[in-house]
Amino acid sequence: MSSPLLNVQSLHKSFGEQKILTDLSLQLEAGQRMSIQGPSGCGKSTLLRILAGLEAPDDGTIFLSGKAGNQKQRILLQPWQRSTQMVFQDLGLWPTRSVLQHVVDVRKASNLTDPKGEGEKVLKQLGLGSHLKRRPGKLSGGEARRLAFARVMALEPKLILLDEAFSSLDPDNREQGFEVLEQVLETTGAAVILVTHNPAEAERLGGSAYRMMEGKLACV
């Protein structure tokens, strides 16, 4: 029997005296969709950062396709070793790099084949084929969001983590963002975890829905 894509066992995380995650566990299979709702400061973003390898938990273990990502506070798999990509609310684009360089650079860094050819293919698929030389400052808001997803798609991840990635958008632009996400998920076959404070976003994503409560996940 194969291991789940993601297996989180008894995570604990505190900042000083404040407990953020308490004995939190979850499993995610390949291609599965999951949303996590809750107010600001409840630990949703901290959980994603731990899953991505950007922070270590105080205790507990994360397994990615059967491989331990950490041993308590020690990170064993670095972010680039996890086949996991994260999209933040501010998108995290590089202002001095062109649209094409965004996808070529990450493919080169990950030793993926044909960075330029595959990068152009991804950008064309997401409607950015005519903007290859532009920098992020010359893109519209929707184009910038498509670039953030193109960078993720170019890395062929197994798991995509979305940290309030649609929260600043009006309903029309939010729907456009979800349509881009659907393209990415269809192409990569990746699983996705969406962190949001908006129940409408969780409903739009579909899949399993949870709420963060007292440092644990409860089914909605």
N, C-alpha and C. Protein backbone atom coordinates (compact mmCIF):
# COMPACT_ATOMS: atom_id res chain seq x y z
N MET A 1 0.85 -1.20 0.00
CA MET A 1 0.00 0.00 0.00
C MET A 1 0.88 1.24 0.00
N SER A 2 0.63 2.16 -0.92
CA SER A 2 1.49 3.34 -1.03
C SER A 2 1.21 4.33 0.10
N SER A 3 2.22 5.14 0.40
CA SER A 3 2.08 6.15 1.45
C SER A 3 1.27 7.33 0.93
N PRO A 4 0.54 8.02 1.81
CA PRO A 4 -0.15 9.24 1.38
C PRO A 4 0.86 10.30 0.95
N LEU A 5 0.42 11.23 0.14
CA LEU A 5 1.29 12.31 -0.29
C LEU A 5 1.80 13.10 0.91
N LEU A 6 0.91 13.38 1.83
CA LEU A 6 1.24 14.16 3.02
C LEU A 6 0.64 13.49 4.24
N ASN A 7 1.46 13.26 5.26
CA ASN A 7 1.01 12.65 6.50
C ASN A 7 1.60 13.45 7.66
N VAL A 8 0.76 14.20 8.33
CA VAL A 8 1.18 15.07 9.42
C VAL A 8 0.75 14.43 10.74
N GLN A 9 1.70 14.24 11.63
CA GLN A 9 1.42 13.53 12.87
C GLN A 9 1.77 14.39 14.09
N SER A 10 0.75 14.78 14.81
CA SER A 10 0.87 15.41 16.15
C SER A 10 1.80 16.62 16.16
N LEU A 11 1.51 17.58 15.29
CA LEU A 11 2.33 18.80 15.26
C LEU A 11 2.00 19.70 16.44
N HIS A 12 3.06 20.28 17.00
CA HIS A 12 2.94 21.29 18.04
C HIS A 12 3.81 22.49 17.65
N LYS A 13 3.29 23.70 17.87
CA LYS A 13 4.06 24.90 17.61
C LYS A 13 3.58 26.01 18.53
N SER A 14 4.52 26.66 19.20
CA SER A 14 4.22 27.80 20.06
C SER A 14 5.16 28.94 19.74
N PHE A 15 4.69 30.14 19.96
CA PHE A 15 5.54 31.33 19.92
C PHE A 15 5.51 31.94 21.31
N GLY A 16 6.59 31.72 22.03
CA GLY A 16 6.60 32.14 23.43
C GLY A 16 5.59 31.33 24.22
N GLU A 17 4.72 32.02 24.92
CA GLU A 17 3.69 31.34 25.72
C GLU A 17 2.43 31.04 24.91
N GLN A 18 2.37 31.53 23.68
CA GLN A 18 1.16 31.34 22.86
C GLN A 18 1.24 30.05 22.07
N LYS A 19 0.30 29.14 22.33
CA LYS A 19 0.23 27.89 21.59
C LYS A 19 -0.50 28.13 20.27
N ILE A 20 0.14 27.77 19.16
CA ILE A 20 -0.42 27.99 17.84
C ILE A 20 -1.00 26.69 17.26
N LEU A 21 -0.22 25.62 17.28
CA LEU A 21 -0.68 24.31 16.83
C LEU A 21 -0.56 23.33 17.98
N THR A 22 -1.61 22.54 18.18
CA THR A 22 -1.65 21.62 19.32
C THR A 22 -2.07 20.24 18.87
N ASP A 23 -1.10 19.32 18.80
CA ASP A 23 -1.40 17.93 18.45
C ASP A 23 -2.19 17.84 17.14
N LEU A 24 -1.77 18.61 16.15
CA LEU A 24 -2.48 18.66 14.87
C LEU A 24 -2.01 17.55 13.95
N SER A 25 -2.96 16.83 13.38
CA SER A 25 -2.66 15.75 12.44
C SER A 25 -3.56 15.88 11.21
N LEU A 26 -3.03 15.47 10.06
CA LEU A 26 -3.84 15.44 8.83
C LEU A 26 -3.17 14.56 7.80
N GLN A 27 -3.95 14.08 6.84
CA GLN A 27 -3.44 13.32 5.70
C GLN A 27 -4.01 13.90 4.42
N LEU A 28 -3.21 13.84 3.37
CA LEU A 28 -3.63 14.33 2.06
C LEU A 28 -3.11 13.35 1.02
N GLU A 29 -4.01 12.91 0.14
CA GLU A 29 -3.62 12.00 -0.93
C GLU A 29 -3.25 12.78 -2.19
N ALA A 30 -2.59 12.13 -3.11
CA ALA A 30 -2.21 12.76 -4.37
C ALA A 30 -3.44 13.31 -5.08
N GLY A 31 -3.37 14.56 -5.54
CA GLY A 31 -4.46 15.17 -6.27
C GLY A 31 -5.62 15.66 -5.43
N GLN A 32 -5.58 15.46 -4.12
CA GLN A 32 -6.69 15.84 -3.26
C GLN A 32 -6.71 17.35 -3.03
N ARG A 33 -7.90 17.88 -2.76
CA ARG A 33 -8.07 19.31 -2.47
C ARG A 33 -8.52 19.47 -1.02
N MET A 34 -7.94 20.48 -0.36
CA MET A 34 -8.29 20.74 1.04
C MET A 34 -8.27 22.23 1.29
N SER A 35 -9.26 22.71 2.02
CA SER A 35 -9.26 24.11 2.45
C SER A 35 -9.25 24.15 3.98
N ILE A 36 -8.59 25.19 4.49
CA ILE A 36 -8.52 25.41 5.94
C ILE A 36 -8.96 26.83 6.21
N GLN A 37 -10.07 26.97 6.94
CA GLN A 37 -10.61 28.28 7.25
C GLN A 37 -10.29 28.66 8.69
N GLY A 38 -10.44 29.93 8.97
CA GLY A 38 -10.21 30.41 10.33
C GLY A 38 -9.79 31.86 10.31
N PRO A 39 -9.94 32.55 11.45
CA PRO A 39 -9.59 33.97 11.52
C PRO A 39 -8.08 34.19 11.48
N SER A 40 -7.69 35.43 11.26
CA SER A 40 -6.26 35.76 11.26
C SER A 40 -5.65 35.43 12.62
N GLY A 41 -4.45 34.89 12.59
CA GLY A 41 -3.73 34.60 13.83
C GLY A 41 -4.03 33.26 14.46
N CYS A 42 -4.84 32.41 13.78
CA CYS A 42 -5.22 31.13 14.40
C CYS A 42 -4.22 30.02 14.10
N GLY A 43 -3.24 30.28 13.22
CA GLY A 43 -2.23 29.26 12.95
C GLY A 43 -2.24 28.69 11.56
N LYS A 44 -3.15 29.16 10.70
CA LYS A 44 -3.26 28.60 9.35
C LYS A 44 -1.98 28.79 8.55
N SER A 45 -1.48 30.02 8.52
CA SER A 45 -0.27 30.31 7.74
C SER A 45 0.95 29.64 8.34
N THR A 46 1.01 29.55 9.67
CA THR A 46 2.11 28.85 10.32
C THR A 46 2.15 27.39 9.89
N LEU A 47 0.99 26.76 9.81
CA LEU A 47 0.93 25.37 9.36
C LEU A 47 1.49 25.24 7.95
N LEU A 48 1.09 26.12 7.03
CA LEU A 48 1.59 26.03 5.66
C LEU A 48 3.11 26.22 5.62
N ARG A 49 3.63 27.15 6.39
CA ARG A 49 5.07 27.39 6.40
C ARG A 49 5.82 26.17 6.92
N ILE A 50 5.25 25.48 7.88
CA ILE A 50 5.87 24.25 8.39
C ILE A 50 5.82 23.16 7.32
N LEU A 51 4.68 23.02 6.64
CA LEU A 51 4.56 22.02 5.59
C LEU A 51 5.56 22.29 4.46
N ALA A 52 5.79 23.57 4.17
CA ALA A 52 6.71 23.94 3.09
C ALA A 52 8.17 23.83 3.49
N GLY A 53 8.45 23.62 4.78
CA GLY A 53 9.83 23.55 5.23
C GLY A 53 10.45 24.91 5.52
N LEU A 54 9.61 25.95 5.61
CA LEU A 54 10.11 27.29 5.91
C LEU A 54 10.24 27.54 7.41
N GLU A 55 9.55 26.73 8.20
CA GLU A 55 9.66 26.77 9.65
C GLU A 55 9.65 25.35 10.17
N ALA A 56 10.19 25.16 11.35
CA ALA A 56 10.18 23.84 12.00
C ALA A 56 9.12 23.83 13.10
N PRO A 57 8.44 22.71 13.30
CA PRO A 57 7.54 22.61 14.45
C PRO A 57 8.35 22.42 15.73
N ASP A 58 7.67 22.53 16.85
CA ASP A 58 8.32 22.22 18.12
C ASP A 58 8.35 20.71 18.36
N ASP A 59 7.34 20.05 17.85
CA ASP A 59 7.26 18.59 18.00
C ASP A 59 6.33 18.06 16.92
N GLY A 60 6.37 16.75 16.71
CA GLY A 60 5.57 16.13 15.66
C GLY A 60 6.39 15.88 14.41
N THR A 61 5.80 15.17 13.45
CA THR A 61 6.53 14.77 12.24
C THR A 61 5.65 14.96 11.02
N ILE A 62 6.29 15.38 9.92
CA ILE A 62 5.64 15.49 8.63
C ILE A 62 6.29 14.48 7.69
N PHE A 63 5.48 13.64 7.06
CA PHE A 63 5.97 12.70 6.06
C PHE A 63 5.45 13.13 4.69
N LEU A 64 6.34 13.19 3.72
CA LEU A 64 5.99 13.56 2.35
C LEU A 64 6.31 12.36 1.46
N SER A 65 5.24 11.73 0.94
CA SER A 65 5.38 10.49 0.17
C SER A 65 6.22 9.46 0.92
N GLY A 66 6.02 9.40 2.22
CA GLY A 66 6.69 8.41 3.05
C GLY A 66 8.03 8.84 3.62
N LYS A 67 8.56 9.99 3.17
CA LYS A 67 9.85 10.47 3.66
C LYS A 67 9.63 11.50 4.77
N ALA A 68 10.38 11.37 5.85
CA ALA A 68 10.25 12.31 6.96
C ALA A 68 10.81 13.67 6.57
N GLY A 69 9.98 14.70 6.70
CA GLY A 69 10.43 16.06 6.39
C GLY A 69 11.11 16.74 7.55
N ASN A 70 10.87 16.22 8.75
CA ASN A 70 11.49 16.80 9.94
C ASN A 70 11.59 15.73 11.03
N GLN A 71 12.44 16.02 11.99
CA GLN A 71 12.52 15.21 13.20
C GLN A 71 12.41 16.19 14.36
N LYS A 72 11.17 16.34 14.85
CA LYS A 72 10.86 17.38 15.83
C LYS A 72 11.30 18.73 15.28
N GLN A 73 12.24 19.42 15.92
CA GLN A 73 12.63 20.77 15.49
C GLN A 73 13.68 20.77 14.39
N ARG A 74 14.13 19.62 13.98
CA ARG A 74 15.16 19.54 12.94
C ARG A 74 14.52 19.29 11.58
N ILE A 75 14.76 20.19 10.62
CA ILE A 75 14.25 20.03 9.26
C ILE A 75 15.16 19.07 8.49
N LEU A 76 14.58 17.99 7.96
CA LEU A 76 15.34 16.99 7.22
C LEU A 76 15.25 17.21 5.72
N LEU A 77 14.09 17.63 5.23
CA LEU A 77 13.91 17.94 3.82
C LEU A 77 13.76 19.44 3.67
N GLN A 78 14.68 20.06 2.93
CA GLN A 78 14.62 21.50 2.71
C GLN A 78 13.47 21.83 1.76
N PRO A 79 13.03 23.09 1.70
CA PRO A 79 11.88 23.44 0.85
C PRO A 79 12.01 22.95 -0.59
N TRP A 80 13.21 23.05 -1.17
CA TRP A 80 13.39 22.65 -2.57
C TRP A 80 13.45 21.13 -2.75
N GLN A 81 13.43 20.38 -1.65
CA GLN A 81 13.45 18.92 -1.72
C GLN A 81 12.07 18.31 -1.51
N ARG A 82 11.04 19.12 -1.37
CA ARG A 82 9.72 18.62 -0.94
C ARG A 82 8.70 18.50 -2.07
N SER A 83 9.04 18.89 -3.29
CA SER A 83 8.08 18.90 -4.39
C SER A 83 6.80 19.63 -3.99
N THR A 84 7.01 20.72 -3.25
CA THR A 84 5.92 21.53 -2.72
C THR A 84 6.17 22.98 -3.08
N GLN A 85 5.15 23.67 -3.54
CA GLN A 85 5.28 25.08 -3.88
C GLN A 85 4.18 25.89 -3.18
N MET A 86 4.54 27.11 -2.81
CA MET A 86 3.64 27.96 -2.03
C MET A 86 3.40 29.27 -2.75
N VAL A 87 2.15 29.73 -2.74
CA VAL A 87 1.78 31.03 -3.29
C VAL A 87 1.26 31.89 -2.14
N PHE A 88 1.90 33.04 -1.95
CA PHE A 88 1.53 33.94 -0.87
C PHE A 88 0.54 35.00 -1.36
N GLN A 89 -0.07 35.69 -0.43
CA GLN A 89 -1.02 36.75 -0.78
C GLN A 89 -0.35 37.84 -1.62
N ASP A 90 0.92 38.17 -1.30
CA ASP A 90 1.61 39.24 -2.04
C ASP A 90 2.32 38.71 -3.29
N LEU A 91 2.16 37.41 -3.59
CA LEU A 91 2.66 36.72 -4.78
C LEU A 91 4.16 36.49 -4.77
N GLY A 92 4.96 37.40 -4.21
CA GLY A 92 6.40 37.18 -4.10
C GLY A 92 7.13 37.17 -5.43
N LEU A 93 6.69 38.00 -6.39
CA LEU A 93 7.38 38.08 -7.67
C LEU A 93 8.67 38.87 -7.54
N TRP A 94 9.58 38.65 -8.47
CA TRP A 94 10.90 39.30 -8.43
C TRP A 94 10.88 40.52 -9.36
N PRO A 95 10.96 41.72 -8.83
CA PRO A 95 10.74 42.92 -9.65
C PRO A 95 11.75 43.14 -10.75
N THR A 96 12.96 42.60 -10.62
CA THR A 96 13.99 42.85 -11.63
C THR A 96 14.10 41.73 -12.66
N ARG A 97 13.28 40.70 -12.53
CA ARG A 97 13.35 39.57 -13.46
C ARG A 97 12.14 39.62 -14.40
N SER A 98 12.37 39.26 -15.65
CA SER A 98 11.29 39.25 -16.63
C SER A 98 10.34 38.09 -16.38
N VAL A 99 9.21 38.12 -17.08
CA VAL A 99 8.23 37.04 -16.99
C VAL A 99 8.90 35.71 -17.32
N LEU A 100 9.63 35.65 -18.42
CA LEU A 100 10.28 34.40 -18.80
C LEU A 100 11.34 33.99 -17.79
N GLN A 101 12.10 34.94 -17.29
CA GLN A 101 13.14 34.61 -16.31
C GLN A 101 12.56 34.01 -15.04
N HIS A 102 11.34 34.40 -14.66
CA HIS A 102 10.72 33.83 -13.47
C HIS A 102 10.61 32.31 -13.56
N VAL A 103 10.22 31.81 -14.72
CA VAL A 103 10.03 30.37 -14.84
C VAL A 103 11.33 29.66 -15.23
N VAL A 104 12.17 30.31 -16.03
CA VAL A 104 13.45 29.70 -16.42
C VAL A 104 14.35 29.55 -15.19
N ASP A 105 14.41 30.58 -14.36
CA ASP A 105 15.29 30.55 -13.18
C ASP A 105 14.94 29.39 -12.24
N VAL A 106 13.63 29.21 -11.98
CA VAL A 106 13.26 28.16 -11.02
C VAL A 106 13.48 26.77 -11.61
N ARG A 107 13.28 26.60 -12.91
CA ARG A 107 13.54 25.29 -13.52
C ARG A 107 15.04 24.98 -13.51
N LYS A 108 15.86 26.00 -13.78
CA LYS A 108 17.31 25.79 -13.72
C LYS A 108 17.75 25.41 -12.31
N ALA A 109 17.23 26.13 -11.33
CA ALA A 109 17.61 25.88 -9.93
C ALA A 109 17.21 24.48 -9.48
N SER A 110 16.15 23.94 -10.08
CA SER A 110 15.68 22.60 -9.71
C SER A 110 16.19 21.53 -10.67
N ASN A 111 17.09 21.91 -11.58
CA ASN A 111 17.69 20.96 -12.54
C ASN A 111 16.65 20.25 -13.39
N LEU A 112 15.60 20.98 -13.76
CA LEU A 112 14.58 20.42 -14.65
C LEU A 112 14.99 20.66 -16.11
N THR A 113 14.54 19.79 -16.99
CA THR A 113 15.00 19.82 -18.37
C THR A 113 14.41 21.01 -19.14
N ASP A 114 15.15 21.46 -20.13
CA ASP A 114 14.72 22.48 -21.10
C ASP A 114 14.02 23.65 -20.42
N PRO A 115 14.73 24.38 -19.56
CA PRO A 115 14.09 25.47 -18.82
C PRO A 115 13.39 26.50 -19.71
N LYS A 116 14.04 26.91 -20.79
CA LYS A 116 13.46 27.95 -21.65
C LYS A 116 12.25 27.41 -22.43
N GLY A 117 12.42 26.27 -23.06
CA GLY A 117 11.34 25.72 -23.86
C GLY A 117 10.11 25.38 -23.03
N GLU A 118 10.33 24.70 -21.91
CA GLU A 118 9.21 24.34 -21.04
C GLU A 118 8.62 25.58 -20.38
N GLY A 119 9.49 26.55 -20.05
CA GLY A 119 9.01 27.79 -19.44
C GLY A 119 8.09 28.55 -20.38
N GLU A 120 8.49 28.65 -21.64
CA GLU A 120 7.65 29.33 -22.63
C GLU A 120 6.32 28.60 -22.81
N LYS A 121 6.36 27.28 -22.77
CA LYS A 121 5.15 26.48 -22.92
C LYS A 121 4.17 26.77 -21.78
N VAL A 122 4.67 26.83 -20.56
CA VAL A 122 3.83 27.11 -19.40
C VAL A 122 3.23 28.51 -19.49
N LEU A 123 4.07 29.48 -19.85
CA LEU A 123 3.59 30.86 -19.93
C LEU A 123 2.54 31.03 -21.01
N LYS A 124 2.73 30.37 -22.13
CA LYS A 124 1.74 30.43 -23.20
C LYS A 124 0.42 29.81 -22.74
N GLN A 125 0.52 28.70 -22.01
CA GLN A 125 -0.69 28.02 -21.54
C GLN A 125 -1.50 28.90 -20.60
N LEU A 126 -0.82 29.76 -19.82
CA LEU A 126 -1.51 30.62 -18.87
C LEU A 126 -1.72 32.03 -19.41
N GLY A 127 -1.57 32.20 -20.72
CA GLY A 127 -1.91 33.47 -21.34
C GLY A 127 -0.88 34.56 -21.22
N LEU A 128 0.38 34.19 -20.97
CA LEU A 128 1.45 35.18 -20.83
C LEU A 128 2.48 35.07 -21.94
N GLY A 129 2.17 34.36 -23.01
CA GLY A 129 3.13 34.11 -24.07
C GLY A 129 3.59 35.36 -24.79
N SER A 130 2.78 36.43 -24.77
CA SER A 130 3.18 37.68 -25.43
C SER A 130 3.84 38.68 -24.49
N HIS A 131 4.07 38.27 -23.23
CA HIS A 131 4.65 39.18 -22.23
C HIS A 131 6.00 38.68 -21.70
N LEU A 132 6.71 37.89 -22.46
CA LEU A 132 7.90 37.21 -21.95
C LEU A 132 8.96 38.17 -21.43
N LYS A 133 9.11 39.33 -22.03
CA LYS A 133 10.18 40.25 -21.65
C LYS A 133 9.74 41.29 -20.62
N ARG A 134 8.47 41.30 -20.28
CA ARG A 134 7.98 42.28 -19.31
C ARG A 134 8.42 41.91 -17.90
N ARG A 135 8.53 42.94 -17.06
CA ARG A 135 8.80 42.72 -15.64
C ARG A 135 7.48 42.85 -14.87
N PRO A 136 7.42 42.34 -13.65
CA PRO A 136 6.16 42.34 -12.91
C PRO A 136 5.49 43.70 -12.80
N GLY A 137 6.28 44.76 -12.69
CA GLY A 137 5.70 46.10 -12.56
C GLY A 137 4.91 46.55 -13.77
N LYS A 138 5.10 45.89 -14.90
CA LYS A 138 4.40 46.23 -16.14
C LYS A 138 3.21 45.30 -16.40
N LEU A 139 2.89 44.44 -15.46
CA LEU A 139 1.77 43.51 -15.61
C LEU A 139 0.55 44.02 -14.86
N SER A 140 -0.63 43.65 -15.34
CA SER A 140 -1.85 43.92 -14.58
C SER A 140 -1.90 43.00 -13.36
N GLY A 141 -2.83 43.25 -12.46
CA GLY A 141 -2.95 42.39 -11.29
C GLY A 141 -3.24 40.95 -11.65
N GLY A 142 -4.12 40.75 -12.64
CA GLY A 142 -4.44 39.39 -13.06
C GLY A 142 -3.28 38.70 -13.73
N GLU A 143 -2.51 39.45 -14.52
CA GLU A 143 -1.33 38.89 -15.18
C GLU A 143 -0.27 38.52 -14.16
N ALA A 144 -0.09 39.36 -13.14
CA ALA A 144 0.89 39.05 -12.09
C ALA A 144 0.51 37.77 -11.35
N ARG A 145 -0.78 37.59 -11.11
CA ARG A 145 -1.22 36.37 -10.42
C ARG A 145 -0.98 35.15 -11.31
N ARG A 146 -1.23 35.29 -12.62
CA ARG A 146 -0.96 34.18 -13.53
C ARG A 146 0.52 33.85 -13.56
N LEU A 147 1.38 34.87 -13.45
CA LEU A 147 2.82 34.63 -13.42
C LEU A 147 3.21 33.85 -12.16
N ALA A 148 2.62 34.21 -11.03
CA ALA A 148 2.91 33.48 -9.79
C ALA A 148 2.54 32.01 -9.93
N PHE A 149 1.40 31.73 -10.56
CA PHE A 149 0.98 30.35 -10.76
C PHE A 149 1.82 29.66 -11.84
N ALA A 150 2.27 30.43 -12.84
CA ALA A 150 3.14 29.84 -13.87
C ALA A 150 4.46 29.38 -13.26
N ARG A 151 4.98 30.17 -12.33
CA ARG A 151 6.23 29.79 -11.66
C ARG A 151 6.04 28.49 -10.88
N VAL A 152 4.90 28.36 -10.23
CA VAL A 152 4.58 27.12 -9.52
C VAL A 152 4.46 25.96 -10.51
N MET A 153 3.70 26.17 -11.57
CA MET A 153 3.44 25.13 -12.56
C MET A 153 4.73 24.66 -13.22
N ALA A 154 5.66 25.59 -13.45
CA ALA A 154 6.93 25.24 -14.11
C ALA A 154 7.76 24.27 -13.29
N LEU A 155 7.51 24.20 -11.98
CA LEU A 155 8.28 23.32 -11.11
C LEU A 155 7.65 21.94 -10.93
N GLU A 156 6.49 21.73 -11.56
CA GLU A 156 5.84 20.41 -11.55
C GLU A 156 5.68 19.85 -10.13
N PRO A 157 5.08 20.63 -9.24
CA PRO A 157 4.98 20.17 -7.84
C PRO A 157 3.92 19.09 -7.66
N LYS A 158 4.05 18.37 -6.56
CA LYS A 158 3.03 17.40 -6.17
C LYS A 158 2.02 18.02 -5.20
N LEU A 159 2.43 19.11 -4.54
CA LEU A 159 1.58 19.77 -3.54
C LEU A 159 1.73 21.27 -3.69
N ILE A 160 0.58 21.97 -3.78
CA ILE A 160 0.56 23.43 -3.87
C ILE A 160 -0.11 23.97 -2.60
N LEU A 161 0.54 24.93 -1.97
CA LEU A 161 0.05 25.56 -0.75
C LEU A 161 -0.32 27.00 -1.06
N LEU A 162 -1.55 27.38 -0.79
CA LEU A 162 -2.05 28.73 -1.11
C LEU A 162 -2.37 29.46 0.19
N ASP A 163 -1.59 30.49 0.50
CA ASP A 163 -1.76 31.25 1.74
C ASP A 163 -2.53 32.53 1.44
N GLU A 164 -3.85 32.47 1.57
CA GLU A 164 -4.72 33.63 1.30
C GLU A 164 -4.44 34.19 -0.10
N ALA A 165 -4.22 33.32 -1.07
CA ALA A 165 -3.78 33.76 -2.39
C ALA A 165 -4.83 34.55 -3.16
N PHE A 166 -6.11 34.47 -2.75
CA PHE A 166 -7.17 35.18 -3.45
C PHE A 166 -7.87 36.22 -2.58
N SER A 167 -7.38 36.45 -1.37
CA SER A 167 -8.13 37.23 -0.38
C SER A 167 -8.27 38.70 -0.73
N SER A 168 -7.35 39.25 -1.53
CA SER A 168 -7.40 40.68 -1.84
C SER A 168 -8.20 40.97 -3.11
N LEU A 169 -8.83 39.96 -3.70
CA LEU A 169 -9.48 40.12 -5.00
C LEU A 169 -10.99 40.32 -4.87
N ASP A 170 -11.54 41.10 -5.82
CA ASP A 170 -12.99 41.21 -5.90
C ASP A 170 -13.54 39.92 -6.51
N PRO A 171 -14.87 39.70 -6.44
CA PRO A 171 -15.42 38.41 -6.88
C PRO A 171 -15.05 38.03 -8.31
N ASP A 172 -15.07 38.98 -9.24
CA ASP A 172 -14.75 38.63 -10.63
C ASP A 172 -13.30 38.20 -10.79
N ASN A 173 -12.39 38.96 -10.19
CA ASN A 173 -10.97 38.60 -10.28
C ASN A 173 -10.65 37.34 -9.49
N ARG A 174 -11.39 37.11 -8.42
CA ARG A 174 -11.19 35.87 -7.66
C ARG A 174 -11.56 34.66 -8.52
N GLU A 175 -12.66 34.77 -9.25
CA GLU A 175 -13.07 33.66 -10.12
C GLU A 175 -12.04 33.43 -11.22
N GLN A 176 -11.49 34.50 -11.77
CA GLN A 176 -10.43 34.36 -12.76
C GLN A 176 -9.21 33.66 -12.16
N GLY A 177 -8.89 34.01 -10.91
CA GLY A 177 -7.78 33.35 -10.24
C GLY A 177 -8.01 31.87 -10.05
N PHE A 178 -9.24 31.50 -9.70
CA PHE A 178 -9.55 30.08 -9.53
C PHE A 178 -9.50 29.35 -10.87
N GLU A 179 -9.89 30.02 -11.95
CA GLU A 179 -9.81 29.39 -13.26
C GLU A 179 -8.36 29.09 -13.63
N VAL A 180 -7.44 30.00 -13.28
CA VAL A 180 -6.02 29.75 -13.51
C VAL A 180 -5.55 28.58 -12.66
N LEU A 181 -5.97 28.57 -11.40
CA LEU A 181 -5.61 27.46 -10.51
C LEU A 181 -6.09 26.13 -11.07
N GLU A 182 -7.29 26.10 -11.61
CA GLU A 182 -7.82 24.86 -12.19
C GLU A 182 -6.93 24.38 -13.33
N GLN A 183 -6.43 25.30 -14.16
CA GLN A 183 -5.51 24.93 -15.23
C GLN A 183 -4.24 24.30 -14.67
N VAL A 184 -3.72 24.92 -13.62
CA VAL A 184 -2.48 24.42 -13.02
C VAL A 184 -2.69 23.02 -12.43
N LEU A 185 -3.80 22.83 -11.72
CA LEU A 185 -4.07 21.53 -11.10
C LEU A 185 -4.31 20.45 -12.15
N GLU A 186 -4.99 20.81 -13.21
CA GLU A 186 -5.26 19.84 -14.28
C GLU A 186 -3.97 19.41 -14.96
N THR A 187 -3.05 20.37 -15.15
CA THR A 187 -1.80 20.07 -15.85
C THR A 187 -0.83 19.28 -14.97
N THR A 188 -0.72 19.67 -13.70
CA THR A 188 0.28 19.06 -12.82
C THR A 188 -0.24 17.84 -12.07
N GLY A 189 -1.56 17.77 -11.87
CA GLY A 189 -2.11 16.70 -11.04
C GLY A 189 -1.82 16.88 -9.57
N ALA A 190 -1.40 18.09 -9.18
CA ALA A 190 -0.98 18.35 -7.80
C ALA A 190 -2.16 18.36 -6.85
N ALA A 191 -1.88 18.03 -5.60
CA ALA A 191 -2.82 18.27 -4.52
C ALA A 191 -2.69 19.73 -4.11
N VAL A 192 -3.70 20.24 -3.41
CA VAL A 192 -3.68 21.65 -3.03
C VAL A 192 -4.28 21.83 -1.64
N ILE A 193 -3.66 22.71 -0.86
CA ILE A 193 -4.22 23.15 0.42
C ILE A 193 -4.38 24.66 0.34
N LEU A 194 -5.61 25.13 0.49
CA LEU A 194 -5.93 26.56 0.47
C LEU A 194 -6.24 27.02 1.88
N VAL A 195 -5.52 28.02 2.35
CA VAL A 195 -5.80 28.67 3.61
C VAL A 195 -6.58 29.95 3.32
N THR A 196 -7.71 30.13 3.98
CA THR A 196 -8.56 31.28 3.70
C THR A 196 -9.41 31.61 4.91
N HIS A 197 -9.86 32.87 4.97
CA HIS A 197 -10.86 33.25 5.97
C HIS A 197 -12.24 33.37 5.34
N ASN A 198 -12.33 33.06 4.02
CA ASN A 198 -13.55 33.27 3.26
C ASN A 198 -14.20 31.92 2.92
N PRO A 199 -15.36 31.61 3.51
CA PRO A 199 -16.02 30.32 3.20
C PRO A 199 -16.34 30.14 1.72
N ALA A 200 -16.57 31.24 1.00
CA ALA A 200 -16.89 31.12 -0.43
C ALA A 200 -15.70 30.57 -1.21
N GLU A 201 -14.49 30.91 -0.80
CA GLU A 201 -13.30 30.38 -1.48
C GLU A 201 -13.17 28.89 -1.21
N ALA A 202 -13.43 28.48 0.01
CA ALA A 202 -13.36 27.05 0.34
C ALA A 202 -14.39 26.26 -0.46
N GLU A 203 -15.59 26.82 -0.61
CA GLU A 203 -16.63 26.14 -1.38
C GLU A 203 -16.24 26.07 -2.85
N ARG A 204 -15.64 27.15 -3.37
CA ARG A 204 -15.24 27.17 -4.78
C ARG A 204 -14.16 26.14 -5.06
N LEU A 205 -13.24 25.95 -4.13
CA LEU A 205 -12.18 24.97 -4.33
C LEU A 205 -12.72 23.56 -4.33
N GLY A 206 -13.66 23.27 -3.43
CA GLY A 206 -14.17 21.91 -3.30
C GLY A 206 -13.23 21.04 -2.48
N GLY A 207 -13.51 19.77 -2.42
CA GLY A 207 -12.67 18.85 -1.64
C GLY A 207 -13.01 18.90 -0.17
N SER A 208 -12.05 18.56 0.66
CA SER A 208 -12.24 18.51 2.11
C SER A 208 -12.13 19.91 2.70
N ALA A 209 -13.03 20.26 3.61
CA ALA A 209 -13.03 21.58 4.24
C ALA A 209 -12.86 21.44 5.75
N TYR A 210 -11.92 22.22 6.29
CA TYR A 210 -11.64 22.18 7.73
C TYR A 210 -11.62 23.60 8.28
N ARG A 211 -11.79 23.69 9.58
CA ARG A 211 -11.64 24.95 10.30
C ARG A 211 -10.58 24.77 11.37
N MET A 212 -9.70 25.76 11.49
CA MET A 212 -8.69 25.73 12.53
C MET A 212 -9.32 26.21 13.84
N MET A 213 -9.29 25.34 14.85
CA MET A 213 -9.88 25.66 16.14
C MET A 213 -8.94 25.19 17.25
N GLU A 214 -8.47 26.14 18.06
CA GLU A 214 -7.61 25.84 19.20
C GLU A 214 -6.41 25.01 18.79
N GLY A 215 -5.84 25.35 17.62
CA GLY A 215 -4.62 24.70 17.17
C GLY A 215 -4.80 23.36 16.52
N LYS A 216 -6.06 22.95 16.29
CA LYS A 216 -6.34 21.68 15.63
C LYS A 216 -7.29 21.92 14.47
N LEU A 217 -7.47 20.89 13.62
CA LEU A 217 -8.38 20.98 12.49
C LEU A 217 -9.68 20.24 12.79
N ALA A 218 -10.80 20.91 12.53
CA ALA A 218 -12.11 20.30 12.69
C ALA A 218 -12.84 20.35 11.36
N CYS A 219 -13.51 19.27 10.98
CA CYS A 219 -14.27 19.23 9.72
C CYS A 219 -15.38 20.28 9.76
N VAL A 220 -15.57 20.94 8.61
CA VAL A 220 -16.64 21.92 8.48
C VAL A 220 -17.93 21.20 8.10
